[in-house]
Amino acid sequence: MIVHNVMFRLEGERAHELAVDFKAAIERLPSVIAELDSVSVRLDDGAIAGNWTLILVARCADEAALAAYSAHPAHLDCVAIIKPAIAARACVDYTE
């Protein structure tokens, strides 16, 4: 199992709204993308300045499944929601 962890820092007036829209869209993907076993998105509470805006944790069977998920048009549509607001991105993938 590959666990794909991605944090985004979003900026701009609509950052929170875009994060909420992204969360809803991403969390629908396991029913659309067979290679995606599970996904969850958590939004920062905003209590501490400088924190990342959101974290995504996705689980896929293997590297091939992760690559298929990453390239899937439905996933790319989700990324397009926040792309204009992304100030920074950090990712850690590991085998569980």
N, C-alpha and C. Protein backbone atom coordinates (compact mmCIF):
# COMPACT_ATOMS: atom_id res chain seq x y z
N MET A 1 0.85 -1.17 0.00
CA MET A 1 0.00 0.00 0.00
C MET A 1 0.89 1.24 0.00
N ILE A 2 0.62 2.16 -0.92
CA ILE A 2 1.30 3.45 -0.98
C ILE A 2 0.39 4.50 -0.34
N VAL A 3 0.94 5.23 0.60
CA VAL A 3 0.21 6.32 1.23
C VAL A 3 0.80 7.63 0.70
N HIS A 4 -0.04 8.41 0.08
CA HIS A 4 0.33 9.65 -0.61
C HIS A 4 -0.20 10.82 0.24
N ASN A 5 0.72 11.58 0.84
CA ASN A 5 0.36 12.71 1.70
C ASN A 5 0.78 14.00 1.01
N VAL A 6 -0.16 14.90 0.82
CA VAL A 6 0.14 16.17 0.16
C VAL A 6 -0.44 17.30 1.00
N MET A 7 0.39 18.30 1.28
CA MET A 7 -0.06 19.51 1.96
C MET A 7 0.00 20.67 0.97
N PHE A 8 -1.01 21.51 1.05
CA PHE A 8 -1.06 22.71 0.22
C PHE A 8 -1.21 23.93 1.11
N ARG A 9 -0.50 24.98 0.73
CA ARG A 9 -0.72 26.30 1.32
C ARG A 9 -1.37 27.12 0.22
N LEU A 10 -2.60 27.55 0.48
CA LEU A 10 -3.34 28.37 -0.49
C LEU A 10 -3.32 29.81 -0.04
N GLU A 11 -3.33 30.71 -1.02
CA GLU A 11 -3.35 32.15 -0.73
C GLU A 11 -4.45 32.81 -1.54
N GLY A 12 -4.88 33.95 -1.07
CA GLY A 12 -5.88 34.74 -1.79
C GLY A 12 -7.19 34.81 -1.03
N GLU A 13 -8.02 35.72 -1.47
CA GLU A 13 -9.30 35.97 -0.80
C GLU A 13 -10.20 34.74 -0.78
N ARG A 14 -10.10 33.91 -1.80
CA ARG A 14 -10.99 32.75 -1.92
C ARG A 14 -10.35 31.45 -1.44
N ALA A 15 -9.22 31.53 -0.76
CA ALA A 15 -8.47 30.32 -0.39
C ALA A 15 -9.33 29.32 0.38
N HIS A 16 -10.05 29.77 1.39
CA HIS A 16 -10.85 28.84 2.19
C HIS A 16 -11.97 28.23 1.34
N GLU A 17 -12.65 29.05 0.57
CA GLU A 17 -13.73 28.56 -0.29
C GLU A 17 -13.21 27.52 -1.29
N LEU A 18 -12.07 27.78 -1.89
CA LEU A 18 -11.48 26.83 -2.83
C LEU A 18 -11.07 25.53 -2.13
N ALA A 19 -10.55 25.65 -0.91
CA ALA A 19 -10.17 24.46 -0.15
C ALA A 19 -11.39 23.59 0.14
N VAL A 20 -12.49 24.21 0.51
CA VAL A 20 -13.74 23.47 0.78
C VAL A 20 -14.23 22.78 -0.49
N ASP A 21 -14.20 23.48 -1.62
CA ASP A 21 -14.63 22.90 -2.89
C ASP A 21 -13.72 21.74 -3.30
N PHE A 22 -12.41 21.92 -3.12
CA PHE A 22 -11.44 20.88 -3.45
C PHE A 22 -11.69 19.64 -2.60
N LYS A 23 -11.89 19.82 -1.31
CA LYS A 23 -12.15 18.70 -0.39
C LYS A 23 -13.35 17.89 -0.86
N ALA A 24 -14.44 18.56 -1.17
CA ALA A 24 -15.65 17.87 -1.61
C ALA A 24 -15.41 17.10 -2.90
N ALA A 25 -14.70 17.72 -3.82
CA ALA A 25 -14.44 17.07 -5.12
C ALA A 25 -13.51 15.87 -4.97
N ILE A 26 -12.43 16.03 -4.23
CA ILE A 26 -11.46 14.94 -4.05
C ILE A 26 -12.09 13.75 -3.34
N GLU A 27 -12.91 14.02 -2.34
CA GLU A 27 -13.48 12.92 -1.56
C GLU A 27 -14.51 12.11 -2.33
N ARG A 28 -14.92 12.58 -3.50
CA ARG A 28 -15.80 11.79 -4.38
C ARG A 28 -15.02 10.83 -5.28
N LEU A 29 -13.71 11.02 -5.37
CA LEU A 29 -12.91 10.28 -6.35
C LEU A 29 -12.83 8.77 -6.16
N PRO A 30 -12.85 8.21 -4.95
CA PRO A 30 -12.78 6.75 -4.86
C PRO A 30 -13.90 6.03 -5.62
N SER A 31 -15.03 6.69 -5.81
CA SER A 31 -16.12 6.07 -6.58
C SER A 31 -15.92 6.24 -8.08
N VAL A 32 -14.95 7.06 -8.47
CA VAL A 32 -14.70 7.35 -9.89
C VAL A 32 -13.41 6.70 -10.38
N ILE A 33 -12.39 6.65 -9.53
CA ILE A 33 -11.07 6.14 -9.91
C ILE A 33 -10.82 4.82 -9.19
N ALA A 34 -10.84 3.74 -9.95
CA ALA A 34 -10.70 2.40 -9.37
C ALA A 34 -9.38 2.21 -8.63
N GLU A 35 -8.33 2.86 -9.09
CA GLU A 35 -7.00 2.70 -8.48
C GLU A 35 -6.85 3.40 -7.14
N LEU A 36 -7.80 4.24 -6.79
CA LEU A 36 -7.75 5.00 -5.54
C LEU A 36 -8.53 4.24 -4.47
N ASP A 37 -7.83 3.67 -3.52
CA ASP A 37 -8.49 2.89 -2.46
C ASP A 37 -9.25 3.78 -1.48
N SER A 38 -8.63 4.88 -1.08
CA SER A 38 -9.29 5.82 -0.16
C SER A 38 -8.59 7.17 -0.24
N VAL A 39 -9.32 8.18 0.19
CA VAL A 39 -8.74 9.53 0.25
C VAL A 39 -9.47 10.32 1.32
N SER A 40 -8.72 11.18 1.99
CA SER A 40 -9.35 12.10 2.92
C SER A 40 -8.62 13.42 2.85
N VAL A 41 -9.36 14.48 3.07
CA VAL A 41 -8.80 15.83 3.07
C VAL A 41 -9.21 16.48 4.38
N ARG A 42 -8.27 17.10 5.03
CA ARG A 42 -8.54 17.85 6.26
C ARG A 42 -8.08 19.29 6.07
N LEU A 43 -8.92 20.22 6.51
CA LEU A 43 -8.62 21.64 6.41
C LEU A 43 -8.09 22.15 7.75
N ASP A 44 -7.10 23.02 7.70
CA ASP A 44 -6.55 23.62 8.90
C ASP A 44 -7.61 24.49 9.56
N ASP A 45 -7.63 24.50 10.88
CA ASP A 45 -8.60 25.31 11.62
C ASP A 45 -8.32 26.81 11.53
N GLY A 46 -7.12 27.17 11.09
CA GLY A 46 -6.78 28.58 10.94
C GLY A 46 -6.39 29.28 12.23
N ALA A 47 -6.18 28.53 13.29
CA ALA A 47 -5.86 29.13 14.58
C ALA A 47 -4.44 29.67 14.67
N ILE A 48 -3.54 29.11 13.85
CA ILE A 48 -2.13 29.52 13.92
C ILE A 48 -1.69 30.03 12.55
N ALA A 49 -1.27 31.27 12.50
CA ALA A 49 -0.81 31.87 11.24
C ALA A 49 0.39 31.09 10.71
N GLY A 50 0.43 30.90 9.42
CA GLY A 50 1.55 30.22 8.79
C GLY A 50 1.35 28.73 8.59
N ASN A 51 0.30 28.15 9.19
CA ASN A 51 0.04 26.74 8.96
C ASN A 51 -0.35 26.49 7.51
N TRP A 52 -0.19 25.24 7.08
CA TRP A 52 -0.64 24.83 5.77
C TRP A 52 -2.16 24.85 5.74
N THR A 53 -2.75 25.05 4.58
CA THR A 53 -4.20 25.18 4.45
C THR A 53 -4.91 23.84 4.56
N LEU A 54 -4.33 22.82 3.92
CA LEU A 54 -5.00 21.52 3.93
C LEU A 54 -4.00 20.40 3.73
N ILE A 55 -4.44 19.21 4.12
CA ILE A 55 -3.66 17.99 3.88
C ILE A 55 -4.57 16.96 3.24
N LEU A 56 -4.02 16.28 2.25
CA LEU A 56 -4.70 15.19 1.55
C LEU A 56 -3.93 13.90 1.84
N VAL A 57 -4.64 12.85 2.19
CA VAL A 57 -4.03 11.54 2.40
C VAL A 57 -4.78 10.55 1.51
N ALA A 58 -4.06 10.00 0.53
CA ALA A 58 -4.65 9.04 -0.40
C ALA A 58 -3.92 7.71 -0.26
N ARG A 59 -4.66 6.63 -0.44
CA ARG A 59 -4.07 5.29 -0.37
C ARG A 59 -4.35 4.56 -1.67
N CYS A 60 -3.27 4.00 -2.24
CA CYS A 60 -3.34 3.23 -3.48
C CYS A 60 -2.57 1.93 -3.28
N ALA A 61 -2.93 0.91 -4.03
CA ALA A 61 -2.31 -0.41 -3.86
C ALA A 61 -0.81 -0.41 -4.11
N ASP A 62 -0.37 0.36 -5.11
CA ASP A 62 1.04 0.35 -5.47
C ASP A 62 1.38 1.60 -6.28
N GLU A 63 2.63 1.71 -6.72
CA GLU A 63 3.08 2.88 -7.48
C GLU A 63 2.30 3.06 -8.78
N ALA A 64 1.99 1.95 -9.45
CA ALA A 64 1.23 2.03 -10.70
C ALA A 64 -0.17 2.61 -10.46
N ALA A 65 -0.79 2.19 -9.37
CA ALA A 65 -2.12 2.72 -9.03
C ALA A 65 -2.05 4.20 -8.69
N LEU A 66 -1.00 4.60 -7.96
CA LEU A 66 -0.82 6.02 -7.62
C LEU A 66 -0.62 6.84 -8.89
N ALA A 67 0.16 6.32 -9.83
CA ALA A 67 0.39 7.03 -11.09
C ALA A 67 -0.92 7.16 -11.88
N ALA A 68 -1.73 6.10 -11.88
CA ALA A 68 -3.01 6.15 -12.60
C ALA A 68 -3.94 7.17 -11.97
N TYR A 69 -4.00 7.20 -10.65
CA TYR A 69 -4.81 8.18 -9.93
C TYR A 69 -4.33 9.60 -10.24
N SER A 70 -3.03 9.81 -10.16
CA SER A 70 -2.46 11.14 -10.37
C SER A 70 -2.75 11.69 -11.76
N ALA A 71 -2.76 10.82 -12.76
CA ALA A 71 -2.97 11.24 -14.15
C ALA A 71 -4.43 11.22 -14.57
N HIS A 72 -5.31 10.71 -13.74
CA HIS A 72 -6.72 10.57 -14.11
C HIS A 72 -7.36 11.95 -14.32
N PRO A 73 -8.16 12.12 -15.38
CA PRO A 73 -8.79 13.42 -15.64
C PRO A 73 -9.65 13.94 -14.49
N ALA A 74 -10.31 13.06 -13.76
CA ALA A 74 -11.13 13.52 -12.63
C ALA A 74 -10.25 14.11 -11.52
N HIS A 75 -9.08 13.52 -11.31
CA HIS A 75 -8.14 14.06 -10.32
C HIS A 75 -7.61 15.42 -10.80
N LEU A 76 -7.27 15.50 -12.07
CA LEU A 76 -6.76 16.76 -12.62
C LEU A 76 -7.81 17.87 -12.54
N ASP A 77 -9.08 17.51 -12.70
CA ASP A 77 -10.16 18.49 -12.54
C ASP A 77 -10.19 19.03 -11.11
N CYS A 78 -9.94 18.16 -10.13
CA CYS A 78 -9.91 18.59 -8.73
C CYS A 78 -8.75 19.54 -8.48
N VAL A 79 -7.58 19.19 -8.99
CA VAL A 79 -6.41 20.04 -8.82
C VAL A 79 -6.65 21.42 -9.44
N ALA A 80 -7.36 21.46 -10.55
CA ALA A 80 -7.65 22.74 -11.21
C ALA A 80 -8.44 23.69 -10.31
N ILE A 81 -9.20 23.14 -9.37
CA ILE A 81 -9.98 23.98 -8.46
C ILE A 81 -9.07 24.88 -7.64
N ILE A 82 -7.96 24.32 -7.13
CA ILE A 82 -7.09 25.10 -6.24
C ILE A 82 -5.83 25.63 -6.92
N LYS A 83 -5.56 25.17 -8.12
CA LYS A 83 -4.28 25.52 -8.77
C LYS A 83 -3.96 27.01 -8.75
N PRO A 84 -4.91 27.90 -9.06
CA PRO A 84 -4.55 29.33 -9.07
C PRO A 84 -4.18 29.88 -7.69
N ALA A 85 -4.57 29.18 -6.62
CA ALA A 85 -4.33 29.67 -5.26
C ALA A 85 -3.16 28.98 -4.57
N ILE A 86 -2.53 28.01 -5.22
CA ILE A 86 -1.45 27.27 -4.56
C ILE A 86 -0.20 28.14 -4.43
N ALA A 87 0.21 28.35 -3.18
CA ALA A 87 1.44 29.09 -2.90
C ALA A 87 2.58 28.12 -2.63
N ALA A 88 2.25 26.95 -2.08
CA ALA A 88 3.28 25.94 -1.79
C ALA A 88 2.62 24.57 -1.71
N ARG A 89 3.45 23.54 -2.01
CA ARG A 89 2.99 22.16 -1.98
C ARG A 89 4.12 21.32 -1.41
N ALA A 90 3.77 20.39 -0.53
CA ALA A 90 4.74 19.44 0.02
C ALA A 90 4.12 18.05 -0.06
N CYS A 91 4.96 17.05 -0.37
CA CYS A 91 4.44 15.70 -0.55
C CYS A 91 5.38 14.68 0.07
N VAL A 92 4.79 13.66 0.70
CA VAL A 92 5.53 12.53 1.20
C VAL A 92 4.73 11.29 0.83
N ASP A 93 5.39 10.35 0.11
CA ASP A 93 4.79 9.06 -0.22
C ASP A 93 5.56 7.99 0.52
N TYR A 94 4.86 7.02 1.10
CA TYR A 94 5.55 5.93 1.76
C TYR A 94 4.76 4.64 1.60
N THR A 95 5.46 3.54 1.78
CA THR A 95 4.84 2.22 1.70
C THR A 95 4.42 1.80 3.10
N GLU A 96 3.20 1.34 3.20
CA GLU A 96 2.65 0.94 4.49
C GLU A 96 2.56 -0.57 4.55
